[in-house]
Amino acid sequence: MSHLDPQQRARLQAEVVAPYRGLRRTFYAVFAASGAIGGFIFLLKAIAGESLATTLPNLALQLGVVALMVSLLRLEQKKSS
């Protein structure tokens, strides 16, 4: 491994410590965006006057997904620093 430059060596060591960190961050961001879009749609349905018995639980679920993904992303960022 002595033929590696220091920057490449540091990057490989970081990947060994936390494998797939970039992939996890991407999934968190994609799922958060999906939840935000879903939440927006269910919010519009609630404003339009659709049945709140079905719309509000779905809206709460979408907002929960967004909150979970944001918290996981922040936890991931705390681990990296």
N, C-alpha and C. Protein backbone atom coordinates (compact mmCIF):
# COMPACT_ATOMS: atom_id res chain seq x y z
N MET A 1 0.81 -1.19 0.00
CA MET A 1 0.00 0.00 0.00
C MET A 1 0.85 1.25 0.00
N SER A 2 2.12 1.11 0.01
CA SER A 2 2.99 2.28 0.06
C SER A 2 2.98 3.05 -1.25
N HIS A 3 2.44 2.48 -2.31
CA HIS A 3 2.40 3.17 -3.60
C HIS A 3 1.20 4.11 -3.75
N LEU A 4 0.35 4.19 -2.74
CA LEU A 4 -0.81 5.08 -2.78
C LEU A 4 -0.43 6.47 -2.27
N ASP A 5 -1.02 7.49 -2.89
CA ASP A 5 -0.78 8.84 -2.38
C ASP A 5 -1.59 9.03 -1.09
N PRO A 6 -1.21 9.96 -0.24
CA PRO A 6 -1.86 10.12 1.07
C PRO A 6 -3.36 10.42 0.98
N GLN A 7 -3.77 11.18 -0.02
CA GLN A 7 -5.19 11.51 -0.16
C GLN A 7 -6.01 10.26 -0.49
N GLN A 8 -5.52 9.46 -1.39
CA GLN A 8 -6.23 8.22 -1.75
C GLN A 8 -6.24 7.25 -0.58
N ARG A 9 -5.17 7.17 0.14
CA ARG A 9 -5.08 6.28 1.31
C ARG A 9 -6.10 6.71 2.39
N ALA A 10 -6.20 8.02 2.63
CA ALA A 10 -7.16 8.52 3.62
C ALA A 10 -8.59 8.22 3.20
N ARG A 11 -8.89 8.37 1.91
CA ARG A 11 -10.23 8.08 1.41
C ARG A 11 -10.57 6.60 1.58
N LEU A 12 -9.62 5.73 1.29
CA LEU A 12 -9.85 4.29 1.45
C LEU A 12 -10.01 3.91 2.93
N GLN A 13 -9.26 4.52 3.80
CA GLN A 13 -9.41 4.24 5.22
C GLN A 13 -10.76 4.71 5.74
N ALA A 14 -11.23 5.85 5.25
CA ALA A 14 -12.56 6.34 5.65
C ALA A 14 -13.65 5.39 5.16
N GLU A 15 -13.48 4.82 3.99
CA GLU A 15 -14.47 3.87 3.46
C GLU A 15 -14.46 2.58 4.27
N VAL A 16 -13.31 2.18 4.76
CA VAL A 16 -13.24 0.96 5.59
C VAL A 16 -13.95 1.19 6.92
N VAL A 17 -13.80 2.38 7.50
CA VAL A 17 -14.42 2.69 8.78
C VAL A 17 -15.93 2.77 8.64
N ALA A 18 -16.42 3.40 7.57
CA ALA A 18 -17.87 3.59 7.38
C ALA A 18 -18.24 3.24 5.94
N PRO A 19 -18.40 1.94 5.64
CA PRO A 19 -18.71 1.56 4.27
C PRO A 19 -20.09 2.04 3.84
N TYR A 20 -20.21 2.40 2.59
CA TYR A 20 -21.47 2.79 1.96
C TYR A 20 -22.07 4.06 2.55
N ARG A 21 -21.27 4.93 3.15
CA ARG A 21 -21.79 6.17 3.73
C ARG A 21 -22.45 7.04 2.66
N GLY A 22 -21.83 7.19 1.52
CA GLY A 22 -22.39 8.00 0.45
C GLY A 22 -23.70 7.43 -0.07
N LEU A 23 -23.77 6.11 -0.17
CA LEU A 23 -24.99 5.47 -0.63
C LEU A 23 -26.12 5.66 0.38
N ARG A 24 -25.80 5.53 1.66
CA ARG A 24 -26.82 5.76 2.70
C ARG A 24 -27.33 7.19 2.66
N ARG A 25 -26.43 8.14 2.53
CA ARG A 25 -26.86 9.55 2.45
C ARG A 25 -27.76 9.79 1.25
N THR A 26 -27.44 9.16 0.14
CA THR A 26 -28.27 9.31 -1.06
C THR A 26 -29.66 8.75 -0.82
N PHE A 27 -29.75 7.58 -0.21
CA PHE A 27 -31.06 6.99 0.08
C PHE A 27 -31.85 7.88 1.04
N TYR A 28 -31.20 8.41 2.06
CA TYR A 28 -31.89 9.30 3.00
C TYR A 28 -32.47 10.50 2.26
N ALA A 29 -31.68 11.11 1.40
CA ALA A 29 -32.14 12.29 0.67
C ALA A 29 -33.28 11.95 -0.29
N VAL A 30 -33.18 10.83 -0.98
CA VAL A 30 -34.23 10.43 -1.93
C VAL A 30 -35.53 10.11 -1.20
N PHE A 31 -35.44 9.38 -0.09
CA PHE A 31 -36.66 9.05 0.65
C PHE A 31 -37.28 10.28 1.31
N ALA A 32 -36.44 11.21 1.76
CA ALA A 32 -36.96 12.46 2.32
C ALA A 32 -37.69 13.27 1.25
N ALA A 33 -37.11 13.33 0.06
CA ALA A 33 -37.77 14.05 -1.04
C ALA A 33 -39.08 13.37 -1.42
N SER A 34 -39.10 12.07 -1.44
CA SER A 34 -40.32 11.32 -1.75
C SER A 34 -41.40 11.60 -0.71
N GLY A 35 -41.02 11.60 0.56
CA GLY A 35 -41.97 11.91 1.62
C GLY A 35 -42.48 13.33 1.54
N ALA A 36 -41.60 14.26 1.17
CA ALA A 36 -42.01 15.66 1.04
C ALA A 36 -43.01 15.83 -0.10
N ILE A 37 -42.77 15.16 -1.20
CA ILE A 37 -43.71 15.23 -2.33
C ILE A 37 -45.04 14.61 -1.94
N GLY A 38 -44.99 13.46 -1.29
CA GLY A 38 -46.22 12.80 -0.84
C GLY A 38 -46.97 13.66 0.16
N GLY A 39 -46.25 14.27 1.09
CA GLY A 39 -46.87 15.16 2.07
C GLY A 39 -47.54 16.34 1.40
N PHE A 40 -46.89 16.90 0.40
CA PHE A 40 -47.46 18.03 -0.34
C PHE A 40 -48.76 17.62 -1.03
N ILE A 41 -48.75 16.44 -1.63
CA ILE A 41 -49.95 15.96 -2.34
C ILE A 41 -51.09 15.74 -1.35
N PHE A 42 -50.81 15.09 -0.22
CA PHE A 42 -51.87 14.84 0.75
C PHE A 42 -52.35 16.14 1.42
N LEU A 43 -51.45 17.11 1.56
CA LEU A 43 -51.87 18.41 2.08
C LEU A 43 -52.83 19.09 1.10
N LEU A 44 -52.51 19.02 -0.18
CA LEU A 44 -53.41 19.58 -1.19
C LEU A 44 -54.76 18.86 -1.20
N LYS A 45 -54.74 17.54 -1.01
CA LYS A 45 -55.99 16.80 -0.95
C LYS A 45 -56.83 17.23 0.24
N ALA A 46 -56.19 17.47 1.38
CA ALA A 46 -56.90 17.91 2.57
C ALA A 46 -57.50 19.31 2.36
N ILE A 47 -56.73 20.18 1.72
CA ILE A 47 -57.22 21.53 1.43
C ILE A 47 -58.38 21.48 0.44
N ALA A 48 -58.30 20.54 -0.52
CA ALA A 48 -59.34 20.43 -1.54
C ALA A 48 -60.64 19.87 -0.97
N GLY A 49 -60.60 19.31 0.22
CA GLY A 49 -61.82 18.85 0.86
C GLY A 49 -62.07 17.36 0.79
N GLU A 50 -61.05 16.59 0.46
CA GLU A 50 -61.23 15.13 0.48
C GLU A 50 -61.43 14.67 1.92
N SER A 51 -61.87 13.47 2.07
CA SER A 51 -62.15 12.91 3.40
C SER A 51 -60.91 12.98 4.28
N LEU A 52 -61.04 13.66 5.40
CA LEU A 52 -59.91 13.80 6.32
C LEU A 52 -59.59 12.50 7.05
N ALA A 53 -60.55 11.58 7.07
CA ALA A 53 -60.32 10.30 7.73
C ALA A 53 -59.23 9.49 7.03
N THR A 54 -59.10 9.67 5.74
CA THR A 54 -58.05 8.95 5.01
C THR A 54 -56.86 9.85 4.70
N THR A 55 -57.10 11.14 4.53
CA THR A 55 -56.03 12.04 4.12
C THR A 55 -55.06 12.35 5.26
N LEU A 56 -55.58 12.63 6.45
CA LEU A 56 -54.70 13.02 7.56
C LEU A 56 -53.74 11.91 8.01
N PRO A 57 -54.18 10.65 8.10
CA PRO A 57 -53.19 9.61 8.45
C PRO A 57 -52.08 9.47 7.40
N ASN A 58 -52.46 9.60 6.14
CA ASN A 58 -51.45 9.51 5.08
C ASN A 58 -50.50 10.70 5.13
N LEU A 59 -51.02 11.88 5.40
CA LEU A 59 -50.18 13.07 5.54
C LEU A 59 -49.23 12.90 6.72
N ALA A 60 -49.73 12.39 7.83
CA ALA A 60 -48.88 12.17 9.00
C ALA A 60 -47.78 11.15 8.70
N LEU A 61 -48.11 10.12 7.97
CA LEU A 61 -47.11 9.12 7.59
C LEU A 61 -46.01 9.73 6.74
N GLN A 62 -46.39 10.54 5.77
CA GLN A 62 -45.41 11.18 4.89
C GLN A 62 -44.51 12.14 5.68
N LEU A 63 -45.11 12.90 6.58
CA LEU A 63 -44.31 13.81 7.40
C LEU A 63 -43.39 13.04 8.34
N GLY A 64 -43.86 11.89 8.83
CA GLY A 64 -43.01 11.04 9.66
C GLY A 64 -41.82 10.49 8.89
N VAL A 65 -42.03 10.14 7.63
CA VAL A 65 -40.93 9.66 6.78
C VAL A 65 -39.90 10.76 6.60
N VAL A 66 -40.38 11.97 6.33
CA VAL A 66 -39.45 13.10 6.16
C VAL A 66 -38.67 13.34 7.44
N ALA A 67 -39.35 13.34 8.57
CA ALA A 67 -38.67 13.58 9.85
C ALA A 67 -37.64 12.49 10.15
N LEU A 68 -37.99 11.25 9.88
CA LEU A 68 -37.06 10.15 10.10
C LEU A 68 -35.83 10.26 9.22
N MET A 69 -36.03 10.56 7.95
CA MET A 69 -34.89 10.64 7.04
C MET A 69 -33.99 11.83 7.37
N VAL A 70 -34.57 12.95 7.77
CA VAL A 70 -33.76 14.10 8.16
C VAL A 70 -32.96 13.77 9.41
N SER A 71 -33.59 13.11 10.37
CA SER A 71 -32.86 12.76 11.60
C SER A 71 -31.75 11.75 11.32
N LEU A 72 -32.00 10.79 10.45
CA LEU A 72 -30.94 9.83 10.09
C LEU A 72 -29.80 10.52 9.34
N LEU A 73 -30.13 11.46 8.48
CA LEU A 73 -29.10 12.20 7.75
C LEU A 73 -28.26 13.03 8.71
N ARG A 74 -28.89 13.68 9.68
CA ARG A 74 -28.14 14.46 10.67
C ARG A 74 -27.27 13.56 11.54
N LEU A 75 -27.79 12.40 11.91
CA LEU A 75 -27.01 11.45 12.69
C LEU A 75 -25.80 10.99 11.90
N GLU A 76 -25.98 10.75 10.62
CA GLU A 76 -24.88 10.34 9.74
C GLU A 76 -23.83 11.44 9.65
N GLN A 77 -24.27 12.68 9.57
CA GLN A 77 -23.32 13.80 9.48
C GLN A 77 -22.55 13.97 10.79
N LYS A 78 -23.20 13.73 11.93
CA LYS A 78 -22.52 13.84 13.21
C LYS A 78 -21.43 12.77 13.33
N LYS A 79 -21.71 11.58 12.81
CA LYS A 79 -20.71 10.50 12.86
C LYS A 79 -19.48 10.83 12.02
N SER A 80 -19.69 11.52 10.90
CA SER A 80 -18.57 11.81 10.00
C SER A 80 -17.69 12.94 10.51
N SER A 81 -18.21 13.78 11.40
CA SER A 81 -17.38 14.90 11.88
C SER A 81 -16.78 14.64 13.24
